[in-house]
Structure formats: C-alpha cells, structure tokens
Amino acid sequence: MIIWTGWGFLSAVFLIAGILLGQEYLGESSGDGIGLVIAAIVNFAVARFVNNPAKDRVLVDEVSGEKIALKKRSTLFWIPMEWMSALMIVLAVVNFFNLMD
C-alpha cells in the first residue's frame, strides 16, 4: 500500500521512469544510476515548486493575535518529496559502486 499526501506519488513515478528510461537509452549497466540521478533532479525541482512556502496560508487569531500557518506538503511514505530526491541519489551511488565490482 502506497501512502502519500499532495503530489508525493510523483516521487515514485519519477523513480520508476528514471530507471526505465535510463535502461532503455543508456543500457542496463550504467543506465540505472544515471536515470536515478536525472529522476532525483526532476523530483527535487517539482518538490520545490509544489512545496513552496510562499503558497502557505497564514491565519491570525483575532483574540490573541497568534499566527497559524496552514502548509500543504507533498510526501511519500511520510517522507517529504525533497528528501526522496536524496534517497534517489543514495540509490544511484550504491548502483555505481556495484558496477565497479
């Protein structure tokens, strides 16, 4: 069962698409790692766009004057999309080290 909020499911889509496209166009040996790096870059750019703090709504309590920010966040398995990009980079590095053996 995949659990996501907002646009978080796109991280899984980018991950799978990066691996498949890397294998298709660059070959199976190095295509996985390069596809993961490209997927991580695309995922990070999309995550920064959809999780933009400028889009947050700020509510002000009339009595106390306290400000409350309502934030929309996109996550996959409770991990923010930006951090999923870091996970993709780690997977790419592991793939590159496995190729050296």
Protein backbone atom coordinates (compact mmCIF):
# COMPACT_ATOMS: atom_id res chain seq x y z
CA MET A 1 0.00 0.00 0.00
CA ILE A 2 1.46 3.33 -1.06
CA ILE A 3 0.76 6.25 1.24
CA TRP A 4 1.17 9.80 0.00
CA THR A 5 -0.08 13.33 0.55
CA GLY A 6 -0.44 16.00 -2.09
CA TRP A 7 1.75 15.33 -5.09
CA GLY A 8 4.03 12.86 -3.27
CA PHE A 9 3.10 9.96 -5.54
CA LEU A 10 5.12 11.71 -8.28
CA SER A 11 8.32 10.69 -6.46
CA ALA A 12 7.52 7.03 -7.15
CA VAL A 13 6.61 7.86 -10.75
CA PHE A 14 9.90 9.72 -11.28
CA LEU A 15 11.88 6.91 -9.65
CA ILE A 16 10.40 4.21 -11.87
CA ALA A 17 10.52 6.37 -15.00
CA GLY A 18 14.16 7.30 -14.35
CA ILE A 19 15.23 3.68 -14.01
CA LEU A 20 13.26 2.51 -17.05
CA LEU A 21 14.34 5.38 -19.31
CA GLY A 22 17.95 5.07 -18.17
CA GLN A 23 17.97 1.38 -19.01
CA GLU A 24 16.29 1.95 -22.35
CA TYR A 25 18.52 4.73 -23.64
CA LEU A 26 21.82 4.20 -21.81
CA GLY A 27 21.99 0.45 -21.36
CA GLU A 28 21.46 -1.68 -18.31
CA SER A 29 24.91 -1.33 -16.76
CA SER A 30 25.11 2.43 -16.17
CA GLY A 31 21.59 3.44 -17.15
CA ASP A 32 20.08 2.77 -13.74
CA GLY A 33 22.38 5.15 -11.90
CA ILE A 34 22.22 7.96 -14.44
CA GLY A 35 18.45 7.57 -14.70
CA LEU A 36 18.19 7.82 -10.90
CA VAL A 37 20.28 11.00 -10.84
CA ILE A 38 18.10 12.60 -13.52
CA ALA A 39 14.96 11.46 -11.68
CA ALA A 40 16.29 12.98 -8.45
CA ILE A 41 16.91 16.33 -10.13
CA VAL A 42 13.44 16.40 -11.70
CA ASN A 43 11.83 15.27 -8.43
CA PHE A 44 13.63 17.98 -6.43
CA ALA A 45 12.59 20.70 -8.89
CA VAL A 46 8.95 19.59 -8.78
CA ALA A 47 9.06 19.26 -4.99
CA ARG A 48 10.39 22.79 -4.57
CA PHE A 49 7.59 24.05 -6.79
CA VAL A 50 4.71 22.23 -5.07
CA ASN A 51 6.05 22.71 -1.51
CA ASN A 52 6.78 26.42 -1.98
CA PRO A 53 6.48 28.21 1.39
CA ALA A 54 5.10 31.30 -0.37
CA LYS A 55 1.92 29.32 -1.05
CA ASP A 56 1.24 28.76 2.67
CA ARG A 57 -1.83 30.42 4.16
CA VAL A 58 -1.41 32.37 7.39
CA LEU A 59 -4.38 32.74 9.70
CA VAL A 60 -4.43 35.27 12.56
CA ASP A 61 -6.40 34.61 15.73
CA GLU A 62 -8.49 37.71 16.39
CA VAL A 63 -8.34 37.38 20.18
CA SER A 64 -4.69 36.56 20.81
CA GLY A 65 -3.14 37.80 17.56
CA GLU A 66 -1.34 34.46 17.19
CA LYS A 67 -0.42 33.49 13.62
CA ILE A 68 -1.02 29.97 12.38
CA ALA A 69 0.44 28.78 9.08
CA LEU A 70 -1.51 26.22 7.05
CA LYS A 71 1.02 24.35 4.98
CA LYS A 72 0.42 21.97 2.11
CA ARG A 73 3.11 19.35 1.91
CA SER A 74 3.69 16.53 -0.55
CA THR A 75 5.07 13.34 0.97
CA LEU A 76 5.54 9.70 0.04
CA PHE A 77 5.52 7.27 2.98
CA TRP A 78 5.60 10.34 5.26
CA ILE A 79 8.91 11.47 3.71
CA PRO A 80 8.88 14.92 2.02
CA MET A 81 9.48 14.89 -1.72
CA GLU A 82 12.74 16.81 -1.33
CA TRP A 83 14.16 14.03 0.83
CA MET A 84 13.03 11.41 -1.64
CA SER A 85 15.44 13.06 -4.09
CA ALA A 86 18.27 12.46 -1.62
CA LEU A 87 17.21 8.82 -1.37
CA MET A 88 17.36 8.53 -5.17
CA ILE A 89 20.91 9.93 -5.15
CA VAL A 90 21.93 7.39 -2.50
CA LEU A 91 20.48 4.59 -4.63
CA ALA A 92 22.40 5.91 -7.65
CA VAL A 93 25.68 5.96 -5.69
CA VAL A 94 25.09 2.39 -4.48
CA ASN A 95 24.40 1.38 -8.08
CA PHE A 96 27.63 2.98 -9.30
CA PHE A 97 29.66 1.22 -6.59
CA ASN A 98 28.08 -2.10 -7.52
CA LEU A 99 29.20 -1.54 -11.12
CA MET A 100 32.83 -1.19 -10.02
CA ASP A 101 32.98 -4.76 -8.69
